PDB file of all heavy atoms in Angstrom:
ATOM      1  N   ARG A   1      19.122 -12.339  14.434  1.00  0.00           N
ATOM      2  CA  ARG A   1      18.848 -13.611  15.108  1.00  0.00           C
ATOM      3  C   ARG A   1      17.813 -14.418  14.329  1.00  0.00           C
ATOM      4  O   ARG A   1      16.721 -13.930  14.036  1.00  0.00           O
ATOM      5  CB  ARG A   1      18.341 -13.337  16.520  1.00  0.00           C
ATOM      6  CG  ARG A   1      18.110 -14.580  17.374  1.00  0.00           C
ATOM      7  CD  ARG A   1      17.781 -14.171  18.802  1.00  0.00           C
ATOM      8  NE  ARG A   1      16.526 -13.453  18.877  1.00  0.00           N
ATOM      9  CZ  ARG A   1      15.323 -14.038  19.058  1.00  0.00           C
ATOM     10  NH1 ARG A   1      15.259 -15.365  19.185  1.00  0.00           N
ATOM     11  NH2 ARG A   1      14.229 -13.318  19.128  1.00  0.00           N
ATOM     12  N   LEU A   2      18.181 -15.655  13.968  1.00  0.00           N
ATOM     13  CA  LEU A   2      17.237 -16.552  13.316  1.00  0.00           C
ATOM     14  C   LEU A   2      16.202 -16.996  14.347  1.00  0.00           C
ATOM     15  O   LEU A   2      16.562 -17.457  15.435  1.00  0.00           O
ATOM     16  CB  LEU A   2      17.963 -17.772  12.746  1.00  0.00           C
ATOM     17  CG  LEU A   2      17.097 -18.773  11.985  1.00  0.00           C
ATOM     18  CD1 LEU A   2      16.664 -18.185  10.642  1.00  0.00           C
ATOM     19  CD2 LEU A   2      17.859 -20.084  11.760  1.00  0.00           C
ATOM     20  N   ILE A   3      14.922 -16.854  14.012  1.00  0.00           N
ATOM     21  CA  ILE A   3      13.886 -17.193  14.980  1.00  0.00           C
ATOM     22  C   ILE A   3      13.008 -18.357  14.527  1.00  0.00           C
ATOM     23  O   ILE A   3      12.281 -18.933  15.335  1.00  0.00           O
ATOM     24  CB  ILE A   3      12.988 -15.980  15.295  1.00  0.00           C
ATOM     25  CG1 ILE A   3      12.482 -15.313  14.024  1.00  0.00           C
ATOM     26  CG2 ILE A   3      13.737 -14.961  16.138  1.00  0.00           C
ATOM     27  CD1 ILE A   3      11.639 -14.074  14.255  1.00  0.00           C
ATOM     28  N   ALA A   4      13.091 -18.740  13.264  1.00  0.00           N
ATOM     29  CA  ALA A   4      12.295 -19.881  12.781  1.00  0.00           C
ATOM     30  C   ALA A   4      12.772 -20.257  11.378  1.00  0.00           C
ATOM     31  O   ALA A   4      13.463 -19.493  10.704  1.00  0.00           O
ATOM     32  CB  ALA A   4      10.806 -19.539  12.760  1.00  0.00           C
ATOM     33  N   GLY A   5      12.370 -21.463  10.945  1.00  0.00           N
ATOM     34  CA  GLY A   5      12.657 -21.903   9.571  1.00  0.00           C
ATOM     35  C   GLY A   5      14.080 -22.360   9.338  1.00  0.00           C
ATOM     36  O   GLY A   5      14.601 -22.218   8.224  1.00  0.00           O
ATOM     37  N   LYS A   6      14.708 -22.928  10.330  1.00  0.00           N
ATOM     38  CA  LYS A   6      16.108 -23.340  10.221  1.00  0.00           C
ATOM     39  C   LYS A   6      16.351 -24.298   9.060  1.00  0.00           C
ATOM     40  O   LYS A   6      17.417 -24.270   8.424  1.00  0.00           O
ATOM     41  CB  LYS A   6      16.566 -23.981  11.531  1.00  0.00           C
ATOM     42  CG  LYS A   6      18.025 -24.383  11.560  1.00  0.00           C
ATOM     43  CD  LYS A   6      18.403 -24.969  12.919  1.00  0.00           C
ATOM     44  CE  LYS A   6      19.869 -25.374  12.950  1.00  0.00           C
ATOM     45  NZ  LYS A   6      20.256 -25.946  14.268  1.00  0.00           N
ATOM     46  N   ALA A   7      15.372 -25.141   8.758  1.00  0.00           N
ATOM     47  CA  ALA A   7      15.538 -26.142   7.691  1.00  0.00           C
ATOM     48  C   ALA A   7      15.630 -25.515   6.302  1.00  0.00           C
ATOM     49  O   ALA A   7      15.998 -26.190   5.344  1.00  0.00           O
ATOM     50  CB  ALA A   7      14.384 -27.151   7.725  1.00  0.00           C
ATOM     51  N   GLY A   8      15.317 -24.213   6.190  1.00  0.00           N
ATOM     52  CA  GLY A   8      15.379 -23.564   4.893  1.00  0.00           C
ATOM     53  C   GLY A   8      16.610 -22.713   4.687  1.00  0.00           C
ATOM     54  O   GLY A   8      16.663 -21.896   3.752  1.00  0.00           O
ATOM     55  N   LEU A   9      17.627 -22.904   5.517  1.00  0.00           N
ATOM     56  CA  LEU A   9      18.823 -22.066   5.424  1.00  0.00           C
ATOM     57  C   LEU A   9      19.643 -22.303   4.159  1.00  0.00           C
ATOM     58  O   LEU A   9      20.555 -21.524   3.850  1.00  0.00           O
ATOM     59  CB  LEU A   9      19.717 -22.278   6.654  1.00  0.00           C
ATOM     60  CG  LEU A   9      19.196 -21.666   7.964  1.00  0.00           C
ATOM     61  CD1 LEU A   9      20.154 -21.968   9.118  1.00  0.00           C
ATOM     62  CD2 LEU A   9      19.014 -20.156   7.818  1.00  0.00           C
ATOM     63  N   SER A  10      19.325 -23.344   3.399  1.00  0.00           N
ATOM     64  CA  SER A  10      20.028 -23.580   2.139  1.00  0.00           C
ATOM     65  C   SER A  10      19.338 -22.868   0.964  1.00  0.00           C
ATOM     66  O   SER A  10      19.807 -22.968  -0.176  1.00  0.00           O
ATOM     67  CB  SER A  10      20.104 -25.078   1.846  1.00  0.00           C
ATOM     68  OG  SER A  10      18.803 -25.643   1.737  1.00  0.00           O
ATOM     69  N   ASN A  11      18.261 -22.128   1.238  1.00  0.00           N
ATOM     70  CA  ASN A  11      17.562 -21.382   0.172  1.00  0.00           C
ATOM     71  C   ASN A  11      18.498 -20.365  -0.450  1.00  0.00           C
ATOM     72  O   ASN A  11      19.169 -19.597   0.246  1.00  0.00           O
ATOM     73  CB  ASN A  11      16.337 -20.660   0.741  1.00  0.00           C
ATOM     74  CG  ASN A  11      15.237 -21.618   1.165  1.00  0.00           C
ATOM     75  OD1 ASN A  11      15.310 -22.810   0.897  1.00  0.00           O
ATOM     76  ND2 ASN A  11      14.234 -21.101   1.836  1.00  0.00           N
ATOM     77  N   GLN A  12      18.532 -20.320  -1.786  1.00  0.00           N
ATOM     78  CA  GLN A  12      19.405 -19.401  -2.500  1.00  0.00           C
ATOM     79  C   GLN A  12      18.798 -17.999  -2.581  1.00  0.00           C
ATOM     80  O   GLN A  12      17.574 -17.851  -2.655  1.00  0.00           O
ATOM     81  CB  GLN A  12      19.693 -19.917  -3.907  1.00  0.00           C
ATOM     82  CG  GLN A  12      20.488 -21.216  -3.923  1.00  0.00           C
ATOM     83  CD  GLN A  12      20.899 -21.615  -5.328  1.00  0.00           C
ATOM     84  OE1 GLN A  12      20.608 -20.932  -6.295  1.00  0.00           O
ATOM     85  NE2 GLN A  12      21.591 -22.733  -5.443  1.00  0.00           N
ATOM     86  N   ILE A  13      19.674 -16.997  -2.585  1.00  0.00           N
ATOM     87  CA  ILE A  13      19.247 -15.599  -2.628  1.00  0.00           C
ATOM     88  C   ILE A  13      19.833 -14.935  -3.869  1.00  0.00           C
ATOM     89  O   ILE A  13      21.048 -14.970  -4.077  1.00  0.00           O
ATOM     90  CB  ILE A  13      19.712 -14.833  -1.372  1.00  0.00           C
ATOM     91  CG1 ILE A  13      19.178 -15.511  -0.119  1.00  0.00           C
ATOM     92  CG2 ILE A  13      19.267 -13.372  -1.435  1.00  0.00           C
ATOM     93  CD1 ILE A  13      19.765 -14.943   1.153  1.00  0.00           C
ATOM     94  N   SER A  14      18.969 -14.323  -4.677  1.00  0.00           N
ATOM     95  CA  SER A  14      19.437 -13.605  -5.869  1.00  0.00           C
ATOM     96  C   SER A  14      19.379 -12.100  -5.697  1.00  0.00           C
ATOM     97  O   SER A  14      20.086 -11.356  -6.391  1.00  0.00           O
ATOM     98  CB  SER A  14      18.602 -13.999  -7.089  1.00  0.00           C
ATOM     99  OG  SER A  14      17.239 -13.615  -6.920  1.00  0.00           O
ATOM    100  N   SER A  15      18.537 -11.616  -4.765  1.00  0.00           N
ATOM    101  CA  SER A  15      18.420 -10.191  -4.532  1.00  0.00           C
ATOM    102  C   SER A  15      17.672  -9.946  -3.221  1.00  0.00           C
ATOM    103  O   SER A  15      17.239 -10.892  -2.560  1.00  0.00           O
ATOM    104  CB  SER A  15      17.673  -9.508  -5.691  1.00  0.00           C
ATOM    105  OG  SER A  15      17.755  -8.107  -5.579  1.00  0.00           O
ATOM    106  N   VAL A  16      17.528  -8.662  -2.871  1.00  0.00           N
ATOM    107  CA  VAL A  16      16.847  -8.273  -1.633  1.00  0.00           C
ATOM    108  C   VAL A  16      15.738  -7.294  -1.975  1.00  0.00           C
ATOM    109  O   VAL A  16      15.901  -6.413  -2.822  1.00  0.00           O
ATOM    110  CB  VAL A  16      17.828  -7.616  -0.643  1.00  0.00           C
ATOM    111  CG1 VAL A  16      17.120  -7.278   0.671  1.00  0.00           C
ATOM    112  CG2 VAL A  16      19.024  -8.512  -0.382  1.00  0.00           C
ATOM    113  N   HIS A  17      14.596  -7.444  -1.312  1.00  0.00           N
ATOM    114  CA  HIS A  17      13.462  -6.543  -1.532  1.00  0.00           C
ATOM    115  C   HIS A  17      12.924  -6.063  -0.201  1.00  0.00           C
ATOM    116  O   HIS A  17      12.662  -6.857   0.705  1.00  0.00           O
ATOM    117  CB  HIS A  17      12.355  -7.264  -2.302  1.00  0.00           C
ATOM    118  CG  HIS A  17      11.100  -6.444  -2.451  1.00  0.00           C
ATOM    119  ND1 HIS A  17      11.033  -5.352  -3.298  1.00  0.00           N
ATOM    120  CD2 HIS A  17       9.877  -6.543  -1.847  1.00  0.00           C
ATOM    121  CE1 HIS A  17       9.818  -4.816  -3.220  1.00  0.00           C
ATOM    122  NE2 HIS A  17       9.100  -5.523  -2.353  1.00  0.00           N
ATOM    123  N   ILE A  18      12.771  -4.738  -0.068  1.00  0.00           N
ATOM    124  CA  ILE A  18      12.142  -4.161   1.122  1.00  0.00           C
ATOM    125  C   ILE A  18      10.674  -3.926   0.813  1.00  0.00           C
ATOM    126  O   ILE A  18      10.326  -3.231  -0.138  1.00  0.00           O
ATOM    127  CB  ILE A  18      12.815  -2.839   1.529  1.00  0.00           C
ATOM    128  CG1 ILE A  18      14.286  -3.083   1.878  1.00  0.00           C
ATOM    129  CG2 ILE A  18      12.087  -2.227   2.729  1.00  0.00           C
ATOM    130  CD1 ILE A  18      15.035  -1.816   2.267  1.00  0.00           C
ATOM    131  N   MET A  19       9.804  -4.497   1.633  1.00  0.00           N
ATOM    132  CA  MET A  19       8.366  -4.361   1.410  1.00  0.00           C
ATOM    133  C   MET A  19       7.859  -3.116   2.098  1.00  0.00           C
ATOM    134  O   MET A  19       7.963  -2.969   3.311  1.00  0.00           O
ATOM    135  CB  MET A  19       7.643  -5.600   1.947  1.00  0.00           C
ATOM    136  CG  MET A  19       6.143  -5.561   1.715  1.00  0.00           C
ATOM    137  SD  MET A  19       5.330  -7.076   2.262  1.00  0.00           S
ATOM    138  CE  MET A  19       3.631  -6.702   1.814  1.00  0.00           C
ATOM    139  N   PHE A  20       7.271  -2.209   1.310  1.00  0.00           N
ATOM    140  CA  PHE A  20       6.717  -0.969   1.863  1.00  0.00           C
ATOM    141  C   PHE A  20       5.193  -0.975   1.874  1.00  0.00           C
ATOM    142  O   PHE A  20       4.572  -0.302   2.684  1.00  0.00           O
ATOM    143  CB  PHE A  20       7.212   0.235   1.059  1.00  0.00           C
ATOM    144  CG  PHE A  20       8.688   0.484   1.186  1.00  0.00           C
ATOM    145  CD1 PHE A  20       9.552   0.235   0.125  1.00  0.00           C
ATOM    146  CD2 PHE A  20       9.227   0.963   2.373  1.00  0.00           C
ATOM    147  CE1 PHE A  20      10.905   0.480   0.234  1.00  0.00           C
ATOM    148  CE2 PHE A  20      10.585   1.195   2.496  1.00  0.00           C
ATOM    149  CZ  PHE A  20      11.428   0.959   1.424  1.00  0.00           C
ATOM    150  N   ASN A  21       4.591  -1.742   0.943  1.00  0.00           N
ATOM    151  CA  ASN A  21       3.130  -1.771   0.862  1.00  0.00           C
ATOM    152  C   ASN A  21       2.682  -3.058   0.164  1.00  0.00           C
ATOM    153  O   ASN A  21       3.508  -3.913  -0.175  1.00  0.00           O
ATOM    154  CB  ASN A  21       2.600  -0.544   0.103  1.00  0.00           C
ATOM    155  CG  ASN A  21       3.299  -0.351  -1.234  1.00  0.00           C
ATOM    156  OD1 ASN A  21       3.431  -1.297  -2.018  1.00  0.00           O
ATOM    157  ND2 ASN A  21       3.774   0.860  -1.493  1.00  0.00           N
ATOM    158  N   ASN A  22       1.386  -3.161  -0.080  1.00  0.00           N
ATOM    159  CA  ASN A  22       0.825  -4.382  -0.667  1.00  0.00           C
ATOM    160  C   ASN A  22       1.255  -4.633  -2.099  1.00  0.00           C
ATOM    161  O   ASN A  22       1.071  -5.742  -2.620  1.00  0.00           O
ATOM    162  CB  ASN A  22      -0.713  -4.323  -0.618  1.00  0.00           C
ATOM    163  CG  ASN A  22      -1.243  -4.442   0.800  1.00  0.00           C
ATOM    164  OD1 ASN A  22      -0.479  -4.654   1.730  1.00  0.00           O
ATOM    165  ND2 ASN A  22      -2.544  -4.296   0.948  1.00  0.00           N
ATOM    166  N   GLU A  23       1.819  -3.634  -2.758  1.00  0.00           N
ATOM    167  CA  GLU A  23       2.266  -3.810  -4.142  1.00  0.00           C
ATOM    168  C   GLU A  23       3.347  -4.892  -4.239  1.00  0.00           C
ATOM    169  O   GLU A  23       3.515  -5.514  -5.281  1.00  0.00           O
ATOM    170  CB  GLU A  23       2.796  -2.488  -4.698  1.00  0.00           C
ATOM    171  CG  GLU A  23       1.724  -1.439  -4.926  1.00  0.00           C
ATOM    172  CD  GLU A  23       0.668  -1.897  -5.911  1.00  0.00           C
ATOM    173  OE1 GLU A  23       1.048  -2.384  -6.995  1.00  0.00           O
ATOM    174  OE2 GLU A  23      -0.537  -1.774  -5.605  1.00  0.00           O
ATOM    175  N   SER A  24       4.071  -5.097  -3.156  1.00  0.00           N
ATOM    176  CA  SER A  24       5.130  -6.113  -3.147  1.00  0.00           C
ATOM    177  C   SER A  24       4.563  -7.502  -3.376  1.00  0.00           C
ATOM    178  O   SER A  24       5.269  -8.396  -3.867  1.00  0.00           O
ATOM    179  CB  SER A  24       5.890  -6.075  -1.814  1.00  0.00           C
ATOM    180  OG  SER A  24       6.563  -4.857  -1.656  1.00  0.00           O
ATOM    181  N   LEU A  25       3.286  -7.699  -3.033  1.00  0.00           N
ATOM    182  CA  LEU A  25       2.665  -9.007  -3.203  1.00  0.00           C
ATOM    183  C   LEU A  25       2.411  -9.328  -4.672  1.00  0.00           C
ATOM    184  O   LEU A  25       2.138 -10.472  -5.023  1.00  0.00           O
ATOM    185  CB  LEU A  25       1.347  -9.058  -2.430  1.00  0.00           C
ATOM    186  CG  LEU A  25       1.448  -8.807  -0.913  1.00  0.00           C
ATOM    187  CD1 LEU A  25       0.065  -8.821  -0.285  1.00  0.00           C
ATOM    188  CD2 LEU A  25       2.352  -9.851  -0.264  1.00  0.00           C
ATOM    189  N   LYS A  26       2.507  -8.321  -5.539  1.00  0.00           N
ATOM    190  CA  LYS A  26       2.284  -8.526  -6.973  1.00  0.00           C
ATOM    191  C   LYS A  26       3.585  -8.772  -7.725  1.00  0.00           C
ATOM    192  O   LYS A  26       3.565  -9.080  -8.913  1.00  0.00           O
ATOM    193  CB  LYS A  26       1.587  -7.294  -7.567  1.00  0.00           C
ATOM    194  CG  LYS A  26       0.254  -6.958  -6.911  1.00  0.00           C
ATOM    195  CD  LYS A  26      -0.319  -5.669  -7.487  1.00  0.00           C
ATOM    196  CE  LYS A  26      -1.607  -5.267  -6.790  1.00  0.00           C
ATOM    197  NZ  LYS A  26      -2.143  -3.995  -7.336  1.00  0.00           N
ATOM    198  N   LEU A  27       4.712  -8.612  -7.050  1.00  0.00           N
ATOM    199  CA  LEU A  27       6.011  -8.749  -7.710  1.00  0.00           C
ATOM    200  C   LEU A  27       6.486 -10.192  -7.722  1.00  0.00           C
ATOM    201  O   LEU A  27       6.074 -11.004  -6.896  1.00  0.00           O
ATOM    202  CB  LEU A  27       7.048  -7.879  -6.982  1.00  0.00           C
ATOM    203  CG  LEU A  27       6.740  -6.387  -6.872  1.00  0.00           C
ATOM    204  CD1 LEU A  27       7.831  -5.694  -6.058  1.00  0.00           C
ATOM    205  CD2 LEU A  27       6.632  -5.749  -8.259  1.00  0.00           C
ATOM    206  N   ASP A  28       7.357 -10.496  -8.672  1.00  0.00           N
ATOM    207  CA  ASP A  28       8.001 -11.806  -8.711  1.00  0.00           C
ATOM    208  C   ASP A  28       9.201 -11.759  -7.773  1.00  0.00           C
ATOM    209  O   ASP A  28      10.229 -11.168  -8.086  1.00  0.00           O
ATOM    210  CB  ASP A  28       8.460 -12.120 -10.137  1.00  0.00           C
ATOM    211  CG  ASP A  28       9.144 -13.490 -10.227  1.00  0.00           C
ATOM    212  OD1 ASP A  28       9.171 -14.219  -9.218  1.00  0.00           O
ATOM    213  OD2 ASP A  28       9.670 -13.814 -11.311  1.00  0.00           O
ATOM    214  N   THR A  29       9.055 -12.349  -6.604  1.00  0.00           N
ATOM    215  CA  THR A  29      10.126 -12.290  -5.589  1.00  0.00           C
ATOM    216  C   THR A  29      10.760 -13.657  -5.360  1.00  0.00           C
ATOM    217  O   THR A  29      11.236 -13.953  -4.265  1.00  0.00           O
ATOM    218  CB  THR A  29       9.592 -11.727  -4.270  1.00  0.00           C
ATOM    219  OG1 THR A  29       8.457 -12.504  -3.845  1.00  0.00           O
ATOM    220  CG2 THR A  29       9.170 -10.274  -4.417  1.00  0.00           C
ATOM    221  N   LYS A  30      10.756 -14.503  -6.386  1.00  0.00           N
ATOM    222  CA  LYS A  30      11.407 -15.809  -6.266  1.00  0.00           C
ATOM    223  C   LYS A  30      12.890 -15.616  -5.975  1.00  0.00           C
ATOM    224  O   LYS A  30      13.563 -14.818  -6.647  1.00  0.00           O
ATOM    225  CB  LYS A  30      11.232 -16.623  -7.546  1.00  0.00           C
ATOM    226  CG  LYS A  30      11.922 -17.976  -7.521  1.00  0.00           C
ATOM    227  CD  LYS A  30      11.638 -18.769  -8.779  1.00  0.00           C
ATOM    228  CE  LYS A  30      12.468 -20.038  -8.841  1.00  0.00           C
ATOM    229  NZ  LYS A  30      12.305 -20.894  -7.669  1.00  0.00           N
ATOM    230  N   ASP A  31      13.398 -16.323  -4.979  1.00  0.00           N
ATOM    231  CA  ASP A  31      14.797 -16.277  -4.542  1.00  0.00           C
ATOM    232  C   ASP A  31      15.179 -14.914  -3.941  1.00  0.00           C
ATOM    233  O   ASP A  31      16.364 -14.623  -3.792  1.00  0.00           O
ATOM    234  CB  ASP A  31      15.759 -16.614  -5.694  1.00  0.00           C
ATOM    235  CG  ASP A  31      15.592 -18.034  -6.196  1.00  0.00           C
ATOM    236  OD1 ASP A  31      15.149 -18.881  -5.400  1.00  0.00           O
ATOM    237  OD2 ASP A  31      15.880 -18.294  -7.373  1.00  0.00           O
ATOM    238  N   TYR A  32      14.204 -14.110  -3.606  1.00  0.00           N
ATOM    239  CA  TYR A  32      14.477 -12.821  -2.968  1.00  0.00           C
ATOM    240  C   TYR A  32      14.454 -12.966  -1.447  1.00  0.00           C
ATOM    241  O   TYR A  32      13.650 -13.726  -0.908  1.00  0.00           O
ATOM    242  CB  TYR A  32      13.443 -11.772  -3.371  1.00  0.00           C
ATOM    243  CG  TYR A  32      13.711 -11.057  -4.667  1.00  0.00           C
ATOM    244  CD1 TYR A  32      14.113 -11.762  -5.807  1.00  0.00           C
ATOM    245  CD2 TYR A  32      13.543  -9.690  -4.775  1.00  0.00           C
ATOM    246  CE1 TYR A  32      14.345 -11.105  -7.004  1.00  0.00           C
ATOM    247  CE2 TYR A  32      13.764  -9.021  -5.969  1.00  0.00           C
ATOM    248  CZ  TYR A  32      14.169  -9.733  -7.075  1.00  0.00           C
ATOM    249  OH  TYR A  32      14.401  -9.076  -8.254  1.00  0.00           O
ATOM    250  N   LEU A  33      15.303 -12.211  -0.794  1.00  0.00           N
ATOM    251  CA  LEU A  33      15.218 -12.058   0.649  1.00  0.00           C
ATOM    252  C   LEU A  33      14.289 -10.866   0.908  1.00  0.00           C
ATOM    253  O   LEU A  33      14.532  -9.769   0.403  1.00  0.00           O
ATOM    254  CB  LEU A  33      16.599 -11.791   1.245  1.00  0.00           C
ATOM    255  CG  LEU A  33      16.638 -11.377   2.727  1.00  0.00           C
ATOM    256  CD1 LEU A  33      16.052 -12.466   3.607  1.00  0.00           C
ATOM    257  CD2 LEU A  33      18.062 -11.040   3.148  1.00  0.00           C
ATOM    258  N   ILE A  34      13.244 -11.079   1.662  1.00  0.00           N
ATOM    259  CA  ILE A  34      12.248 -10.046   1.920  1.00  0.00           C
ATOM    260  C   ILE A  34      12.522  -9.404   3.282  1.00  0.00           C
ATOM    261  O   ILE A  34      12.645 -10.090   4.288  1.00  0.00           O
ATOM    262  CB  ILE A  34      10.816 -10.632   1.915  1.00  0.00           C
ATOM    263  CG1 ILE A  34      10.567 -11.444   0.641  1.00  0.00           C
ATOM    264  CG2 ILE A  34       9.791  -9.520   2.076  1.00  0.00           C
ATOM    265  CD1 ILE A  34      10.675 -10.654  -0.643  1.00  0.00           C
ATOM    266  N   LEU A  35      12.603  -8.086   3.296  1.00  0.00           N
ATOM    267  CA  LEU A  35      12.781  -7.327   4.537  1.00  0.00           C
ATOM    268  C   LEU A  35      11.511  -6.522   4.785  1.00  0.00           C
ATOM    269  O   LEU A  35      11.024  -5.841   3.884  1.00  0.00           O
ATOM    270  CB  LEU A  35      13.989  -6.397   4.439  1.00  0.00           C
ATOM    271  CG  LEU A  35      15.326  -7.060   4.103  1.00  0.00           C
ATOM    272  CD1 LEU A  35      16.441  -6.005   4.041  1.00  0.00           C
ATOM    273  CD2 LEU A  35      15.683  -8.131   5.125  1.00  0.00           C
ATOM    274  N   ILE A  36      10.996  -6.592   6.004  1.00  0.00           N
ATOM    275  CA  ILE A  36       9.703  -5.991   6.256  1.00  0.00           C
ATOM    276  C   ILE A  36       9.527  -5.596   7.721  1.00  0.00           C
ATOM    277  O   ILE A  36       9.884  -6.362   8.621  1.00  0.00           O
ATOM    278  CB  ILE A  36       8.578  -6.969   5.848  1.00  0.00           C
ATOM    279  CG1 ILE A  36       7.196  -6.424   6.175  1.00  0.00           C
ATOM    280  CG2 ILE A  36       8.766  -8.316   6.492  1.00  0.00           C
ATOM    281  CD1 ILE A  36       6.061  -7.301   5.677  1.00  0.00           C
ATOM    282  N   PRO A  37       8.975  -4.387   7.965  1.00  0.00           N
ATOM    283  CA  PRO A  37       8.529  -4.065   9.330  1.00  0.00           C
ATOM    284  C   PRO A  37       7.357  -4.990   9.663  1.00  0.00           C
ATOM    285  O   PRO A  37       6.413  -5.098   8.866  1.00  0.00           O
ATOM    286  CB  PRO A  37       8.070  -2.602   9.228  1.00  0.00           C
ATOM    287  CG  PRO A  37       8.690  -2.086   7.979  1.00  0.00           C
ATOM    288  CD  PRO A  37       8.774  -3.248   7.054  1.00  0.00           C
ATOM    289  N   PHE A  38       7.399  -5.654  10.777  1.00  0.00           N
ATOM    290  CA  PHE A  38       6.438  -6.708  11.048  1.00  0.00           C
ATOM    291  C   PHE A  38       5.009  -6.183  11.133  1.00  0.00           C
ATOM    292  O   PHE A  38       4.050  -6.887  10.850  1.00  0.00           O
ATOM    293  CB  PHE A  38       6.805  -7.430  12.353  1.00  0.00           C
ATOM    294  CG  PHE A  38       5.983  -8.660  12.599  1.00  0.00           C
ATOM    295  CD1 PHE A  38       6.008  -9.718  11.714  1.00  0.00           C
ATOM    296  CD2 PHE A  38       5.153  -8.744  13.685  1.00  0.00           C
ATOM    297  CE1 PHE A  38       5.262 -10.845  11.920  1.00  0.00           C
ATOM    298  CE2 PHE A  38       4.386  -9.874  13.910  1.00  0.00           C
ATOM    299  CZ  PHE A  38       4.439 -10.919  13.030  1.00  0.00           C
ATOM    300  N   ASN A  39       4.827  -4.905  11.520  1.00  0.00           N
ATOM    301  CA  ASN A  39       3.471  -4.367  11.667  1.00  0.00           C
ATOM    302  C   ASN A  39       2.967  -3.715  10.391  1.00  0.00           C
ATOM    303  O   ASN A  39       1.968  -3.002  10.410  1.00  0.00           O
ATOM    304  CB  ASN A  39       3.426  -3.358  12.817  1.00  0.00           C
ATOM    305  CG  ASN A  39       4.287  -2.140  12.546  1.00  0.00           C
ATOM    306  OD1 ASN A  39       5.025  -2.116  11.561  1.00  0.00           O
ATOM    307  ND2 ASN A  39       4.209  -1.142  13.414  1.00  0.00           N
ATOM    308  N   LEU A  40       3.631  -3.936   9.264  1.00  0.00           N
ATOM    309  CA  LEU A  40       3.257  -3.281   8.017  1.00  0.00           C
ATOM    310  C   LEU A  40       1.816  -3.594   7.625  1.00  0.00           C
ATOM    311  O   LEU A  40       1.059  -2.716   7.201  1.00  0.00           O
ATOM    312  CB  LEU A  40       4.194  -3.700   6.883  1.00  0.00           C
ATOM    313  CG  LEU A  40       3.935  -3.036   5.522  1.00  0.00           C
ATOM    314  CD1 LEU A  40       4.181  -1.532   5.601  1.00  0.00           C
ATOM    315  CD2 LEU A  40       4.814  -3.655   4.450  1.00  0.00           C
ATOM    316  N   LEU A  41       1.430  -4.856   7.761  1.00  0.00           N
ATOM    317  CA  LEU A  41       0.067  -5.255   7.398  1.00  0.00           C
ATOM    318  C   LEU A  41      -0.825  -5.432   8.613  1.00  0.00           C
ATOM    319  O   LEU A  41      -1.836  -6.108   8.553  1.00  0.00           O
ATOM    320  CB  LEU A  41       0.102  -6.553   6.579  1.00  0.00           C
ATOM    321  CG  LEU A  41       0.839  -6.478   5.230  1.00  0.00           C
ATOM    322  CD1 LEU A  41       0.734  -7.794   4.502  1.00  0.00           C
ATOM    323  CD2 LEU A  41       0.284  -5.347   4.387  1.00  0.00           C
ATOM    324  N   GLY A  42      -0.431  -4.812   9.729  1.00  0.00           N
ATOM    325  CA  GLY A  42      -1.259  -4.901  10.920  1.00  0.00           C
ATOM    326  C   GLY A  42      -0.839  -6.022  11.834  1.00  0.00           C
ATOM    327  O   GLY A  42      -0.008  -6.861  11.485  1.00  0.00           O
ATOM    328  N   ASN A  43      -1.409  -6.070  12.987  1.00  0.00           N
ATOM    329  CA  ASN A  43      -1.041  -7.056  13.994  1.00  0.00           C
ATOM    330  C   ASN A  43      -2.017  -8.222  14.066  1.00  0.00           C
ATOM    331  O   ASN A  43      -2.082  -8.926  15.071  1.00  0.00           O
ATOM    332  CB  ASN A  43      -0.944  -6.381  15.372  1.00  0.00           C
ATOM    333  CG  ASN A  43       0.247  -5.436  15.448  1.00  0.00           C
ATOM    334  OD1 ASN A  43       1.319  -5.749  14.943  1.00  0.00           O
ATOM    335  ND2 ASN A  43       0.046  -4.269  16.046  1.00  0.00           N
ATOM    336  N   HIS A  44      -2.797  -8.425  13.013  1.00  0.00           N
ATOM    337  CA  HIS A  44      -3.739  -9.546  12.992  1.00  0.00           C
ATOM    338  C   HIS A  44      -2.986 -10.821  12.625  1.00  0.00           C
ATOM    339  O   HIS A  44      -2.307 -10.887  11.600  1.00  0.00           O
ATOM    340  CB  HIS A  44      -4.856  -9.271  11.997  1.00  0.00           C
ATOM    341  CG  HIS A  44      -5.613  -8.002  12.277  1.00  0.00           C
ATOM    342  ND1 HIS A  44      -6.431  -7.853  13.371  1.00  0.00           N
ATOM    343  CD2 HIS A  44      -5.641  -6.813  11.607  1.00  0.00           C
ATOM    344  CE1 HIS A  44      -6.955  -6.645  13.374  1.00  0.00           C
ATOM    345  NE2 HIS A  44      -6.481  -5.984  12.316  1.00  0.00           N
ATOM    346  N   ALA A  45      -3.128 -11.840  13.449  1.00  0.00           N
ATOM    347  CA  ALA A  45      -2.385 -13.083  13.270  1.00  0.00           C
ATOM    348  C   ALA A  45      -2.643 -13.709  11.902  1.00  0.00           C
ATOM    349  O   ALA A  45      -1.718 -14.202  11.248  1.00  0.00           O
ATOM    350  CB  ALA A  45      -2.738 -14.066  14.386  1.00  0.00           C
TER     351      ALA A  45
END
């Protein structure tokens, strides 16, 4: 279910990345679809 960001549905996808830890923040994820457990980095807003 899409929950936000409808205006970006034309964004192109070249690959998929599952985020397991903070190392993902150092990767080049341009045009990647990011999959992530929402509580991975804690529940701080």
